[in-house]
Amino acid sequence: MDYLLEHVRKGIMLSLMISMPLVLAAAAIGLLVGILQAVTQVQEQTISAVPKLIIVFVLLIAGGSLMMQMLGGYIRESMQLAFQTIPHAGNRVLPPAPSRFSRQSLPPGQFRFQFIPPANFRF
């Protein structure tokens, strides 16, 4: 369970690290345009949208590869955790439920399922 909590914490921090430069730049541009509008007494609401869009677009172009590398690393870590670390550690989210399907012992990587009907099942 500690694996999951730590990994979720890393995911939240990563999403903040990726989005924070864009949000702060948009807020700073909005503040500057707001001050400029107050000084010039121009009260048009759409004026601040264009510089924000341009700055966010430029930041995405400039830092998008770094953001994708960070996100790709997190996804690789997620897959490694989900398919290698947790199954080998024996941690289970839910206990195994009894199944109507029984798995016969076969070599690794091969599966054969046999249907075992319930007692009140009719063909």
N, C-alpha and C. Protein backbone atom coordinates (compact mmCIF):
# COMPACT_ATOMS: atom_id res chain seq x y z
N MET A 1 0.82 -1.19 0.00
CA MET A 1 0.00 0.00 0.00
C MET A 1 0.87 1.26 0.00
N ASP A 2 2.05 1.14 0.61
CA ASP A 2 2.96 2.28 0.62
C ASP A 2 3.42 2.63 -0.78
N TYR A 3 3.56 1.60 -1.63
CA TYR A 3 3.95 1.85 -3.01
C TYR A 3 2.93 2.76 -3.69
N LEU A 4 1.66 2.46 -3.49
CA LEU A 4 0.60 3.20 -4.15
C LEU A 4 0.54 4.64 -3.66
N LEU A 5 0.60 4.85 -2.37
CA LEU A 5 0.53 6.21 -1.83
C LEU A 5 1.72 7.04 -2.29
N GLU A 6 2.91 6.45 -2.27
CA GLU A 6 4.10 7.17 -2.71
C GLU A 6 4.02 7.50 -4.20
N HIS A 7 3.51 6.57 -4.98
CA HIS A 7 3.42 6.79 -6.43
C HIS A 7 2.36 7.85 -6.76
N VAL A 8 1.26 7.85 -6.05
CA VAL A 8 0.23 8.88 -6.26
C VAL A 8 0.79 10.25 -5.88
N ARG A 9 1.56 10.31 -4.79
CA ARG A 9 2.19 11.57 -4.39
C ARG A 9 3.13 12.07 -5.49
N LYS A 10 3.92 11.15 -6.06
CA LYS A 10 4.81 11.54 -7.15
C LYS A 10 4.03 12.04 -8.36
N GLY A 11 2.90 11.41 -8.65
CA GLY A 11 2.08 11.84 -9.78
C GLY A 11 1.49 13.22 -9.58
N ILE A 12 1.05 13.51 -8.38
CA ILE A 12 0.51 14.84 -8.09
C ILE A 12 1.59 15.89 -8.18
N MET A 13 2.77 15.58 -7.64
CA MET A 13 3.88 16.53 -7.72
C MET A 13 4.32 16.75 -9.17
N LEU A 14 4.32 15.69 -9.97
CA LEU A 14 4.69 15.81 -11.37
C LEU A 14 3.69 16.68 -12.12
N SER A 15 2.40 16.48 -11.86
CA SER A 15 1.40 17.30 -12.55
C SER A 15 1.54 18.77 -12.15
N LEU A 16 1.89 19.04 -10.90
CA LEU A 16 2.14 20.43 -10.48
C LEU A 16 3.39 20.99 -11.15
N MET A 17 4.44 20.19 -11.24
CA MET A 17 5.68 20.66 -11.87
C MET A 17 5.49 20.94 -13.36
N ILE A 18 4.65 20.14 -14.01
CA ILE A 18 4.43 20.34 -15.44
C ILE A 18 3.54 21.55 -15.69
N SER A 19 2.52 21.72 -14.88
CA SER A 19 1.55 22.79 -15.15
C SER A 19 1.94 24.14 -14.53
N MET A 20 2.77 24.14 -13.51
CA MET A 20 3.07 25.37 -12.79
C MET A 20 3.70 26.46 -13.66
N PRO A 21 4.69 26.18 -14.51
CA PRO A 21 5.24 27.27 -15.32
C PRO A 21 4.21 27.91 -16.24
N LEU A 22 3.31 27.11 -16.79
CA LEU A 22 2.29 27.64 -17.69
C LEU A 22 1.29 28.51 -16.92
N VAL A 23 0.88 28.04 -15.77
CA VAL A 23 -0.11 28.77 -14.97
C VAL A 23 0.50 30.08 -14.44
N LEU A 24 1.74 30.01 -13.96
CA LEU A 24 2.37 31.23 -13.45
C LEU A 24 2.62 32.25 -14.55
N ALA A 25 3.02 31.80 -15.73
CA ALA A 25 3.23 32.73 -16.85
C ALA A 25 1.91 33.38 -17.26
N ALA A 26 0.84 32.59 -17.34
CA ALA A 26 -0.45 33.15 -17.70
C ALA A 26 -0.94 34.14 -16.64
N ALA A 27 -0.69 33.83 -15.36
CA ALA A 27 -1.10 34.75 -14.29
C ALA A 27 -0.28 36.04 -14.34
N ALA A 28 1.01 35.93 -14.60
CA ALA A 28 1.86 37.12 -14.67
C ALA A 28 1.46 38.01 -15.85
N ILE A 29 1.21 37.40 -17.00
CA ILE A 29 0.78 38.18 -18.17
C ILE A 29 -0.58 38.82 -17.90
N GLY A 30 -1.48 38.10 -17.25
CA GLY A 30 -2.78 38.66 -16.91
C GLY A 30 -2.65 39.85 -15.97
N LEU A 31 -1.73 39.75 -15.01
CA LEU A 31 -1.50 40.86 -14.09
C LEU A 31 -0.92 42.07 -14.82
N LEU A 32 0.07 41.84 -15.67
CA LEU A 32 0.66 42.95 -16.42
C LEU A 32 -0.35 43.62 -17.35
N VAL A 33 -1.14 42.81 -18.04
CA VAL A 33 -2.15 43.39 -18.93
C VAL A 33 -3.21 44.12 -18.12
N GLY A 34 -3.56 43.58 -16.95
CA GLY A 34 -4.53 44.26 -16.08
C GLY A 34 -4.02 45.60 -15.60
N ILE A 35 -2.74 45.65 -15.21
CA ILE A 35 -2.16 46.94 -14.79
C ILE A 35 -2.13 47.91 -15.96
N LEU A 36 -1.74 47.42 -17.13
CA LEU A 36 -1.71 48.27 -18.33
C LEU A 36 -3.11 48.79 -18.68
N GLN A 37 -4.12 47.95 -18.54
CA GLN A 37 -5.49 48.39 -18.81
C GLN A 37 -5.94 49.42 -17.78
N ALA A 38 -5.55 49.25 -16.54
CA ALA A 38 -5.94 50.21 -15.50
C ALA A 38 -5.28 51.56 -15.74
N VAL A 39 -4.02 51.54 -16.18
CA VAL A 39 -3.31 52.80 -16.43
C VAL A 39 -3.91 53.53 -17.62
N THR A 40 -4.22 52.78 -18.67
CA THR A 40 -4.75 53.41 -19.89
C THR A 40 -6.28 53.53 -19.87
N GLN A 41 -6.93 53.01 -18.85
CA GLN A 41 -8.37 53.05 -18.69
C GLN A 41 -9.12 52.37 -19.83
N VAL A 42 -8.51 51.34 -20.40
CA VAL A 42 -9.16 50.51 -21.41
C VAL A 42 -9.73 49.31 -20.67
N GLN A 43 -11.04 49.14 -20.71
CA GLN A 43 -11.70 48.07 -19.96
C GLN A 43 -12.26 47.00 -20.90
N GLU A 44 -11.43 46.47 -21.73
CA GLU A 44 -11.85 45.40 -22.65
C GLU A 44 -11.35 44.06 -22.09
N GLN A 45 -12.25 43.12 -21.88
CA GLN A 45 -11.89 41.86 -21.24
C GLN A 45 -11.12 40.91 -22.16
N THR A 46 -11.31 41.04 -23.44
CA THR A 46 -10.66 40.10 -24.37
C THR A 46 -9.21 40.44 -24.67
N ILE A 47 -8.75 41.61 -24.27
CA ILE A 47 -7.38 42.01 -24.56
C ILE A 47 -6.37 41.12 -23.84
N SER A 48 -6.65 40.68 -22.65
CA SER A 48 -5.68 39.88 -21.90
C SER A 48 -5.62 38.43 -22.38
N ALA A 49 -6.60 37.96 -23.13
CA ALA A 49 -6.62 36.56 -23.56
C ALA A 49 -5.55 36.27 -24.60
N VAL A 50 -5.33 37.17 -25.54
CA VAL A 50 -4.39 36.91 -26.63
C VAL A 50 -2.95 36.79 -26.12
N PRO A 51 -2.45 37.72 -25.29
CA PRO A 51 -1.07 37.53 -24.79
C PRO A 51 -0.91 36.26 -23.95
N LYS A 52 -1.93 35.91 -23.17
CA LYS A 52 -1.86 34.68 -22.39
C LYS A 52 -1.74 33.46 -23.30
N LEU A 53 -2.56 33.41 -24.33
CA LEU A 53 -2.49 32.29 -25.27
C LEU A 53 -1.13 32.21 -25.95
N ILE A 54 -0.61 33.33 -26.36
CA ILE A 54 0.69 33.34 -27.03
C ILE A 54 1.80 32.87 -26.10
N ILE A 55 1.82 33.37 -24.88
CA ILE A 55 2.87 32.99 -23.92
C ILE A 55 2.77 31.50 -23.57
N VAL A 56 1.55 31.02 -23.32
CA VAL A 56 1.39 29.60 -22.99
C VAL A 56 1.81 28.73 -24.18
N PHE A 57 1.45 29.13 -25.38
CA PHE A 57 1.84 28.38 -26.58
C PHE A 57 3.36 28.36 -26.73
N VAL A 58 4.02 29.49 -26.55
CA VAL A 58 5.48 29.55 -26.66
C VAL A 58 6.14 28.69 -25.58
N LEU A 59 5.62 28.72 -24.37
CA LEU A 59 6.18 27.88 -23.31
C LEU A 59 5.98 26.40 -23.60
N LEU A 60 4.84 26.04 -24.17
CA LEU A 60 4.62 24.64 -24.55
C LEU A 60 5.59 24.21 -25.64
N ILE A 61 5.84 25.07 -26.60
CA ILE A 61 6.79 24.75 -27.66
C ILE A 61 8.20 24.62 -27.07
N ALA A 62 8.59 25.55 -26.21
CA ALA A 62 9.95 25.56 -25.66
C ALA A 62 10.18 24.44 -24.66
N GLY A 63 9.23 24.18 -23.78
CA GLY A 63 9.44 23.20 -22.72
C GLY A 63 8.66 21.92 -22.87
N GLY A 64 7.99 21.76 -23.99
CA GLY A 64 7.15 20.57 -24.18
C GLY A 64 7.93 19.28 -24.17
N SER A 65 9.13 19.29 -24.76
CA SER A 65 9.92 18.05 -24.78
C SER A 65 10.36 17.66 -23.37
N LEU A 66 10.73 18.64 -22.56
CA LEU A 66 11.09 18.34 -21.18
C LEU A 66 9.88 17.81 -20.40
N MET A 67 8.73 18.43 -20.63
CA MET A 67 7.51 17.96 -19.96
C MET A 67 7.18 16.54 -20.37
N MET A 68 7.34 16.22 -21.66
CA MET A 68 7.05 14.87 -22.13
C MET A 68 8.06 13.86 -21.59
N GLN A 69 9.32 14.25 -21.45
CA GLN A 69 10.31 13.36 -20.86
C GLN A 69 9.97 13.04 -19.41
N MET A 70 9.55 14.06 -18.68
CA MET A 70 9.17 13.85 -17.28
C MET A 70 7.95 12.93 -17.19
N LEU A 71 6.97 13.18 -18.04
CA LEU A 71 5.77 12.36 -18.04
C LEU A 71 6.06 10.94 -18.49
N GLY A 72 6.93 10.79 -19.49
CA GLY A 72 7.31 9.45 -19.95
C GLY A 72 8.03 8.67 -18.88
N GLY A 73 8.90 9.33 -18.13
CA GLY A 73 9.58 8.67 -17.01
C GLY A 73 8.61 8.21 -15.94
N TYR A 74 7.61 9.02 -15.67
CA TYR A 74 6.60 8.65 -14.67
C TYR A 74 5.78 7.46 -15.17
N ILE A 75 5.44 7.45 -16.45
CA ILE A 75 4.66 6.33 -16.99
C ILE A 75 5.49 5.05 -16.97
N ARG A 76 6.78 5.13 -17.33
CA ARG A 76 7.65 3.95 -17.27
C ARG A 76 7.74 3.44 -15.83
N GLU A 77 7.88 4.36 -14.89
CA GLU A 77 7.93 3.96 -13.48
C GLU A 77 6.62 3.32 -13.03
N SER A 78 5.50 3.85 -13.53
CA SER A 78 4.19 3.29 -13.19
C SER A 78 4.06 1.86 -13.70
N MET A 79 4.48 1.65 -14.95
CA MET A 79 4.38 0.31 -15.53
C MET A 79 5.31 -0.67 -14.81
N GLN A 80 6.51 -0.22 -14.48
CA GLN A 80 7.44 -1.08 -13.76
C GLN A 80 6.89 -1.43 -12.38
N LEU A 81 6.29 -0.46 -11.72
CA LEU A 81 5.71 -0.70 -10.41
C LEU A 81 4.51 -1.64 -10.50
N ALA A 82 3.67 -1.43 -11.50
CA ALA A 82 2.44 -2.21 -11.62
C ALA A 82 2.69 -3.65 -12.04
N PHE A 83 3.68 -3.86 -12.91
CA PHE A 83 3.84 -5.19 -13.48
C PHE A 83 5.05 -5.95 -12.96
N GLN A 84 5.96 -5.30 -12.23
CA GLN A 84 7.12 -6.02 -11.73
C GLN A 84 7.24 -5.94 -10.22
N THR A 85 7.18 -4.76 -9.67
CA THR A 85 7.44 -4.61 -8.23
C THR A 85 6.30 -5.16 -7.38
N ILE A 86 5.09 -4.74 -7.65
CA ILE A 86 3.96 -5.15 -6.80
C ILE A 86 3.66 -6.64 -6.91
N PRO A 87 3.59 -7.24 -8.12
CA PRO A 87 3.32 -8.68 -8.15
C PRO A 87 4.39 -9.52 -7.46
N HIS A 88 5.65 -9.11 -7.53
CA HIS A 88 6.71 -9.88 -6.88
C HIS A 88 6.74 -9.67 -5.38
N ALA A 89 6.21 -8.57 -4.93
CA ALA A 89 6.18 -8.30 -3.49
C ALA A 89 5.05 -9.05 -2.80
N GLY A 90 4.12 -9.59 -3.57
CA GLY A 90 3.01 -10.33 -2.99
C GLY A 90 1.89 -9.45 -2.50
N ASN A 91 1.93 -8.18 -2.78
CA ASN A 91 0.87 -7.28 -2.34
C ASN A 91 -0.34 -7.44 -3.25
N ARG A 92 -1.48 -7.51 -2.67
CA ARG A 92 -2.72 -7.63 -3.43
C ARG A 92 -3.69 -6.57 -2.93
N VAL A 93 -4.45 -6.01 -3.85
CA VAL A 93 -5.44 -5.02 -3.46
C VAL A 93 -6.64 -5.72 -2.83
N LEU A 94 -7.11 -6.79 -3.45
CA LEU A 94 -8.22 -7.58 -2.95
C LEU A 94 -7.77 -9.03 -2.83
N PRO A 95 -8.32 -9.77 -1.89
CA PRO A 95 -7.97 -11.18 -1.82
C PRO A 95 -8.55 -11.91 -3.04
N PRO A 96 -7.91 -12.97 -3.47
CA PRO A 96 -8.44 -13.68 -4.63
C PRO A 96 -9.82 -14.26 -4.33
N ALA A 97 -10.73 -14.03 -5.25
CA ALA A 97 -12.10 -14.51 -5.07
C ALA A 97 -12.22 -15.90 -5.68
N PRO A 98 -13.08 -16.73 -5.12
CA PRO A 98 -13.29 -18.03 -5.74
C PRO A 98 -13.89 -17.84 -7.14
N SER A 99 -13.44 -18.65 -8.06
CA SER A 99 -13.83 -18.47 -9.44
C SER A 99 -14.51 -19.73 -9.96
N ARG A 100 -15.35 -19.56 -10.97
CA ARG A 100 -15.95 -20.71 -11.64
C ARG A 100 -14.98 -21.27 -12.66
N PHE A 101 -13.87 -20.61 -12.86
CA PHE A 101 -12.87 -21.06 -13.81
C PHE A 101 -11.67 -21.57 -13.03
N SER A 102 -11.20 -22.76 -13.37
CA SER A 102 -10.03 -23.28 -12.68
C SER A 102 -8.86 -23.25 -13.65
N ARG A 103 -7.71 -22.90 -13.14
CA ARG A 103 -6.52 -22.83 -13.98
C ARG A 103 -5.69 -24.08 -13.73
N GLN A 104 -5.46 -24.82 -14.78
CA GLN A 104 -4.65 -26.02 -14.66
C GLN A 104 -3.19 -25.63 -14.76
N SER A 105 -2.32 -26.45 -14.17
CA SER A 105 -0.91 -26.09 -14.19
C SER A 105 -0.34 -26.32 -15.59
N LEU A 106 0.15 -25.26 -16.15
CA LEU A 106 0.76 -25.27 -17.48
C LEU A 106 2.10 -24.56 -17.39
N PRO A 107 2.93 -24.67 -18.41
CA PRO A 107 4.18 -23.90 -18.40
C PRO A 107 3.89 -22.41 -18.31
N PRO A 108 4.84 -21.63 -17.79
CA PRO A 108 4.62 -20.18 -17.68
C PRO A 108 4.31 -19.55 -19.03
N GLY A 109 3.35 -18.65 -19.02
CA GLY A 109 2.98 -17.94 -20.24
C GLY A 109 1.86 -18.61 -21.01
N GLN A 110 1.47 -19.83 -20.62
CA GLN A 110 0.37 -20.50 -21.31
C GLN A 110 -0.79 -20.65 -20.33
N PHE A 111 -2.00 -20.40 -20.83
CA PHE A 111 -3.18 -20.44 -19.99
C PHE A 111 -4.24 -21.31 -20.65
N ARG A 112 -4.91 -22.11 -19.85
CA ARG A 112 -6.05 -22.87 -20.32
C ARG A 112 -7.08 -22.83 -19.19
N PHE A 113 -8.28 -22.40 -19.51
CA PHE A 113 -9.31 -22.28 -18.50
C PHE A 113 -10.38 -23.33 -18.75
N GLN A 114 -10.89 -23.89 -17.68
CA GLN A 114 -11.95 -24.88 -17.77
C GLN A 114 -13.16 -24.32 -17.03
N PHE A 115 -14.31 -24.35 -17.71
CA PHE A 115 -15.53 -23.82 -17.11
C PHE A 115 -16.13 -24.86 -16.17
N ILE A 116 -16.34 -24.46 -14.92
CA ILE A 116 -16.99 -25.32 -13.95
C ILE A 116 -18.34 -24.70 -13.65
N PRO A 117 -19.43 -25.32 -14.13
CA PRO A 117 -20.75 -24.70 -13.96
C PRO A 117 -21.20 -24.74 -12.50
N PRO A 118 -22.03 -23.77 -12.11
CA PRO A 118 -22.60 -23.80 -10.76
C PRO A 118 -23.53 -25.00 -10.62
N ALA A 119 -23.89 -25.30 -9.38
CA ALA A 119 -24.71 -26.49 -9.11
C ALA A 119 -26.08 -26.41 -9.77
N ASN A 120 -26.67 -25.23 -9.89
CA ASN A 120 -28.01 -25.10 -10.45
C ASN A 120 -27.98 -24.74 -11.94
N PHE A 121 -26.87 -24.93 -12.62
CA PHE A 121 -26.72 -24.60 -14.03
C PHE A 121 -27.23 -25.74 -14.89
N ARG A 122 -28.05 -25.41 -15.91
CA ARG A 122 -28.57 -26.44 -16.84
C ARG A 122 -28.14 -26.12 -18.25
N PHE A 123 -27.80 -27.15 -18.99
CA PHE A 123 -27.44 -26.98 -20.40
C PHE A 123 -28.68 -26.95 -21.26
